[in-house]
Amino acid sequence: MTLLHTRSWGAGAAGHSPLAVLVHGVTSSSRTWWRVGPALAGRGYRVVAVDLRGHGASPRAEAGLAVADLAGDVAETVAGVGGPVDLLVGHSLGALVALELAGRHPGFARRLVVEDPPGASSVDWAGVAAGIEADTARAATDPEGLRRELEAANPAWPAGEAERRVADLADCDGLAIAAALRPGVAFDLPALLAAAPVPTLMLLAEEALDSLLTGPDRTAAVAALPEGTTRVLPAGHSIHREALDAWLAALDAWLSR
């Protein structure tokens, strides 16, 4: 297992404030939670966001990038933080990691939020791998050009988001991550959701706005959770980037039930 770099918000002492753990998606890092972390801290949480292996400031990796390996890293890292995890949040690949954690480590988390998890047949993994190689190379050779393109392509992103995205791409081990994804990722999302031993909220992007959970994959995933625990929000795949207010409102409504 690998101890991961973390980023924290909230001043609550261990054991006195509920702990929220945030897990990012592929080629991202704990930077992606720069608005979510403070928002949760303002709600009384002690917040810890991890950089997965091969991402951000965590150790590089030529191997060990399978979902189970990444989940083991998070479990070991959070064990050193102190206190039970009251709220575990995962986006995209991080959603799969969070589901793996909840299923394989009973008692690890009390509640689970998964943001636009991928569908096994909804993603062109070879295409994603090629895109990662191109984007990470571009982040190293032409960061300003890439930043401008991201801003133009994502008008809903807040100021500073594109710059953080370029930094994430520059920091991650693009070649190793692409090599791990290119053959495809084997998982059964409906089974993972149905087996989650804690209350689970699934926040989905709109299919027309590039959600990574589409068609039959989406239908099966929604059916795996109890009615009322899936929300479709008016945003693309990175909902917390594009529609933070709606993201937080859905979370607050679910937590208050």
Protein backbone atom coordinates (compact mmCIF):
# COMPACT_ATOMS: atom_id res chain seq x y z
CA MET A 1 0.00 0.00 0.00
CA THR A 2 1.02 3.63 -0.52
CA LEU A 3 0.58 6.54 1.88
CA LEU A 4 -1.02 9.38 -0.04
CA HIS A 5 -0.60 13.13 -0.01
CA THR A 6 -3.63 14.86 1.48
CA ARG A 7 -5.17 18.33 1.61
CA SER A 8 -7.35 19.40 4.54
CA TRP A 9 -10.00 21.95 5.49
CA GLY A 10 -11.75 22.59 8.80
CA ALA A 11 -10.26 23.14 12.23
CA GLY A 12 -12.23 20.57 14.19
CA ALA A 13 -10.17 18.27 16.39
CA ALA A 14 -10.15 14.54 15.70
CA GLY A 15 -13.03 12.86 17.47
CA HIS A 16 -15.01 16.09 17.87
CA SER A 17 -16.01 16.92 14.27
CA PRO A 18 -17.43 14.53 11.67
CA LEU A 19 -14.82 13.52 9.11
CA ALA A 20 -15.42 13.84 5.36
CA VAL A 21 -13.03 12.16 2.92
CA LEU A 22 -12.94 13.24 -0.74
CA VAL A 23 -11.58 11.08 -3.58
CA HIS A 24 -10.96 12.65 -6.99
CA GLY A 25 -11.26 11.23 -10.50
CA VAL A 26 -8.64 10.17 -13.03
CA THR A 27 -5.91 12.75 -13.87
CA SER A 28 -7.26 15.05 -11.18
CA SER A 29 -6.09 15.61 -7.58
CA SER A 30 -7.22 16.96 -4.24
CA ARG A 31 -7.11 20.41 -5.91
CA THR A 32 -10.43 19.64 -7.59
CA TRP A 33 -12.19 19.97 -4.21
CA TRP A 34 -10.96 23.54 -3.64
CA ARG A 35 -14.56 24.80 -3.29
CA VAL A 36 -16.19 21.62 -1.94
CA GLY A 37 -13.70 21.28 0.93
CA PRO A 38 -14.34 24.73 2.42
CA ALA A 39 -18.10 24.34 1.87
CA LEU A 40 -18.14 21.09 3.87
CA ALA A 41 -15.88 22.62 6.52
CA GLY A 42 -18.42 25.41 6.83
CA ARG A 43 -21.01 22.73 7.56
CA GLY A 44 -18.95 21.47 10.49
CA TYR A 45 -16.89 18.73 8.84
CA ARG A 46 -13.19 18.05 9.20
CA VAL A 47 -12.34 17.46 5.52
CA VAL A 48 -9.49 15.41 4.06
CA ALA A 49 -8.95 15.05 0.30
CA VAL A 50 -6.42 12.56 -1.05
CA ASP A 51 -4.20 12.53 -4.12
CA LEU A 52 -4.51 9.01 -5.53
CA ARG A 53 -1.36 7.09 -6.42
CA GLY A 54 0.19 8.55 -9.58
CA HIS A 55 -1.72 11.83 -9.11
CA GLY A 56 -1.00 15.19 -7.51
CA ALA A 57 1.80 15.08 -4.94
CA SER A 58 1.39 11.36 -4.13
CA PRO A 59 4.06 8.80 -5.13
CA ARG A 60 4.35 7.88 -8.82
CA ALA A 61 3.36 4.37 -9.88
CA GLU A 62 4.09 2.09 -12.79
CA ALA A 63 1.76 -0.51 -11.27
CA GLY A 64 -0.88 -0.76 -8.59
CA LEU A 65 -3.40 1.47 -10.35
CA ALA A 66 -6.29 -1.01 -10.15
CA VAL A 67 -9.36 0.18 -8.22
CA ALA A 68 -8.68 -2.27 -5.37
CA ASP A 69 -5.09 -0.99 -5.03
CA LEU A 70 -6.22 2.63 -4.98
CA ALA A 71 -8.85 1.81 -2.35
CA GLY A 72 -6.23 0.14 -0.19
CA ASP A 73 -4.06 3.26 -0.38
CA VAL A 74 -6.96 5.46 0.75
CA ALA A 75 -7.82 3.11 3.62
CA GLU A 76 -4.23 3.12 4.90
CA THR A 77 -3.91 6.89 4.56
CA VAL A 78 -7.20 7.67 6.29
CA ALA A 79 -6.32 5.29 9.13
CA GLY A 80 -3.59 7.76 10.09
CA VAL A 81 -5.97 10.71 10.10
CA GLY A 82 -8.02 9.59 13.07
CA GLY A 83 -11.74 9.21 13.59
CA PRO A 84 -14.41 7.27 11.68
CA VAL A 85 -15.36 8.59 8.23
CA ASP A 86 -18.82 10.10 8.45
CA LEU A 87 -19.03 11.10 4.77
CA LEU A 88 -17.07 9.48 1.91
CA VAL A 89 -17.30 11.28 -1.44
CA GLY A 90 -15.90 10.02 -4.75
CA HIS A 91 -16.01 11.48 -8.25
CA SER A 92 -15.73 9.34 -11.41
CA LEU A 93 -12.87 6.87 -10.83
CA GLY A 94 -12.94 8.08 -7.24
CA ALA A 95 -16.56 6.94 -7.02
CA LEU A 96 -15.46 3.40 -7.88
CA VAL A 97 -12.70 3.65 -5.28
CA ALA A 98 -15.21 4.86 -2.68
CA LEU A 99 -17.59 2.00 -3.48
CA GLU A 100 -14.71 -0.48 -3.25
CA LEU A 101 -13.75 0.96 0.13
CA ALA A 102 -17.29 0.78 1.47
CA GLY A 103 -17.75 -2.79 0.28
CA ARG A 104 -14.37 -4.25 1.26
CA HIS A 105 -13.86 -2.37 4.53
CA PRO A 106 -17.05 -2.66 6.60
CA GLY A 107 -17.37 0.24 8.98
CA PHE A 108 -14.97 2.45 7.01
CA ALA A 109 -17.64 5.05 6.23
CA ARG A 110 -21.10 5.85 7.55
CA ARG A 111 -22.44 7.54 4.42
CA LEU A 112 -21.37 7.55 0.78
CA VAL A 113 -21.76 10.02 -2.10
CA VAL A 114 -20.80 8.95 -5.63
CA GLU A 115 -20.59 11.64 -8.32
CA ASP A 116 -21.12 10.52 -11.93
CA PRO A 117 -19.42 7.10 -11.71
CA PRO A 118 -18.49 5.61 -15.08
CA GLY A 119 -20.46 2.82 -16.69
CA ALA A 120 -18.46 -0.21 -17.75
CA SER A 121 -19.71 -0.02 -21.34
CA SER A 122 -20.32 3.75 -21.41
CA VAL A 123 -16.63 4.61 -21.73
CA ASP A 124 -14.21 4.17 -24.62
CA TRP A 125 -11.25 3.28 -22.42
CA ALA A 126 -8.72 3.27 -25.24
CA GLY A 127 -9.95 6.70 -26.30
CA VAL A 128 -9.71 7.96 -22.72
CA ALA A 129 -6.15 6.62 -22.48
CA ALA A 130 -5.13 8.38 -25.69
CA GLY A 131 -6.70 11.60 -24.43
CA ILE A 132 -4.80 11.35 -21.15
CA GLU A 133 -1.50 10.94 -22.98
CA ALA A 134 -2.23 13.93 -25.19
CA ASP A 135 -3.53 16.18 -22.40
CA THR A 136 -0.73 15.47 -19.94
CA ALA A 137 1.87 16.06 -22.64
CA ARG A 138 0.17 19.33 -23.57
CA ALA A 139 0.06 20.42 -19.93
CA ALA A 140 3.86 20.07 -19.84
CA THR A 141 4.62 21.75 -23.16
CA ASP A 142 1.87 24.35 -23.61
CA PRO A 143 0.09 24.96 -20.30
CA GLU A 144 -1.18 28.43 -21.21
CA GLY A 145 -2.64 27.28 -24.51
CA LEU A 146 -4.34 24.35 -22.80
CA ARG A 147 -5.72 26.64 -20.09
CA ARG A 148 -7.26 28.96 -22.68
CA GLU A 149 -8.84 26.01 -24.52
CA LEU A 150 -10.31 24.63 -21.29
CA GLU A 151 -11.79 28.00 -20.40
CA ALA A 152 -13.36 28.33 -23.83
CA ALA A 153 -14.74 24.79 -23.78
CA ASN A 154 -16.11 25.01 -20.22
CA PRO A 155 -17.82 28.38 -19.74
CA ALA A 156 -19.60 27.12 -16.61
CA TRP A 157 -16.31 26.62 -14.77
CA PRO A 158 -15.49 29.30 -12.16
CA ALA A 159 -12.44 31.52 -12.50
CA GLY A 160 -9.28 29.62 -11.66
CA GLU A 161 -10.72 26.17 -12.40
CA ALA A 162 -8.96 25.73 -15.75
CA GLU A 163 -5.63 26.73 -14.23
CA ARG A 164 -6.07 24.10 -11.51
CA ARG A 165 -7.04 21.50 -14.11
CA VAL A 166 -3.85 22.16 -16.08
CA ALA A 167 -1.81 21.85 -12.89
CA ASP A 168 -3.47 18.49 -12.16
CA LEU A 169 -2.66 17.21 -15.65
CA ALA A 170 0.94 18.36 -15.33
CA ASP A 171 1.32 16.63 -11.96
CA CYS A 172 -0.14 13.23 -12.80
CA ASP A 173 1.73 10.25 -14.24
CA GLY A 174 -0.09 10.30 -17.56
CA LEU A 175 1.74 7.47 -19.30
CA ALA A 176 1.28 5.02 -16.42
CA ILE A 177 -2.37 5.95 -15.93
CA ALA A 178 -3.10 5.64 -19.65
CA ALA A 179 -1.40 2.24 -19.77
CA ALA A 180 -3.52 1.04 -16.84
CA LEU A 181 -6.78 2.22 -18.44
CA ARG A 182 -6.19 1.28 -22.08
CA PRO A 183 -7.18 -2.42 -21.74
CA GLY A 184 -10.37 -1.36 -19.95
CA VAL A 185 -11.47 -1.34 -16.32
CA ALA A 186 -13.40 -4.36 -15.08
CA PHE A 187 -16.18 -3.53 -12.62
CA ASP A 188 -19.89 -4.08 -12.06
CA LEU A 189 -21.29 -0.71 -10.99
CA PRO A 190 -24.86 -1.90 -10.21
CA ALA A 191 -23.45 -4.70 -8.04
CA LEU A 192 -21.14 -2.28 -6.22
CA LEU A 193 -24.03 0.11 -5.58
CA ALA A 194 -26.39 -2.63 -4.44
CA ALA A 195 -23.75 -4.04 -2.09
CA ALA A 196 -22.87 -0.70 -0.47
CA PRO A 197 -23.47 -1.30 3.25
CA VAL A 198 -24.25 2.35 4.06
CA PRO A 199 -26.73 4.98 2.84
CA THR A 200 -25.62 6.11 -0.62
CA LEU A 201 -26.42 9.17 -2.71
CA MET A 202 -25.63 9.10 -6.43
CA LEU A 203 -25.29 12.46 -8.19
CA LEU A 204 -25.43 12.12 -11.97
CA ALA A 205 -24.61 14.50 -14.78
CA GLU A 206 -27.00 14.84 -17.68
CA GLU A 207 -26.42 12.30 -20.44
CA ALA A 208 -26.54 15.03 -23.10
CA LEU A 209 -23.79 16.92 -21.27
CA ASP A 210 -21.21 14.11 -21.36
CA SER A 211 -22.06 12.03 -18.32
CA LEU A 212 -19.90 8.89 -18.15
CA LEU A 213 -22.92 6.81 -17.12
CA THR A 214 -25.28 6.37 -20.06
CA GLY A 215 -27.87 4.08 -21.64
CA PRO A 216 -28.36 0.63 -20.09
CA ASP A 217 -25.48 1.22 -17.68
CA ARG A 218 -27.32 4.22 -16.27
CA THR A 219 -30.66 2.43 -16.04
CA ALA A 220 -29.12 -0.50 -14.17
CA ALA A 221 -27.17 1.74 -11.78
CA VAL A 222 -30.22 3.82 -10.85
CA ALA A 223 -32.25 0.65 -10.29
CA ALA A 224 -29.59 -0.65 -7.90
CA LEU A 225 -30.28 2.11 -5.37
CA PRO A 226 -33.48 2.84 -3.42
CA GLU A 227 -35.86 5.35 -4.96
CA GLY A 228 -34.99 8.92 -4.10
CA THR A 229 -31.25 8.43 -3.67
CA THR A 230 -30.25 9.39 -7.22
CA ARG A 231 -30.27 13.00 -8.40
CA VAL A 232 -29.58 14.20 -11.95
CA LEU A 233 -28.05 17.68 -11.87
CA PRO A 234 -27.80 20.25 -14.70
CA ALA A 235 -24.12 19.76 -15.47
CA GLY A 236 -21.56 17.65 -17.26
CA HIS A 237 -19.31 14.94 -15.85
CA SER A 238 -17.55 17.15 -13.29
CA ILE A 239 -20.68 18.33 -11.49
CA HIS A 240 -18.84 19.89 -8.56
CA ARG A 241 -16.94 22.10 -11.00
CA GLU A 242 -19.93 23.25 -13.04
CA ALA A 243 -22.84 23.27 -10.59
CA LEU A 244 -21.51 23.44 -7.04
CA ASP A 245 -24.66 25.09 -5.63
CA ALA A 246 -26.85 22.30 -7.00
CA TRP A 247 -24.31 19.70 -5.78
CA LEU A 248 -24.40 21.08 -2.25
CA ALA A 249 -28.18 21.52 -2.25
CA ALA A 250 -28.66 17.86 -3.21
CA LEU A 251 -26.24 16.78 -0.49
CA ASP A 252 -27.92 18.93 2.16
CA ALA A 253 -31.38 17.63 1.24
CA TRP A 254 -30.19 14.03 1.42
CA LEU A 255 -28.38 14.49 4.74
CA SER A 256 -31.44 16.12 6.28
CA ARG A 257 -33.72 13.19 5.44
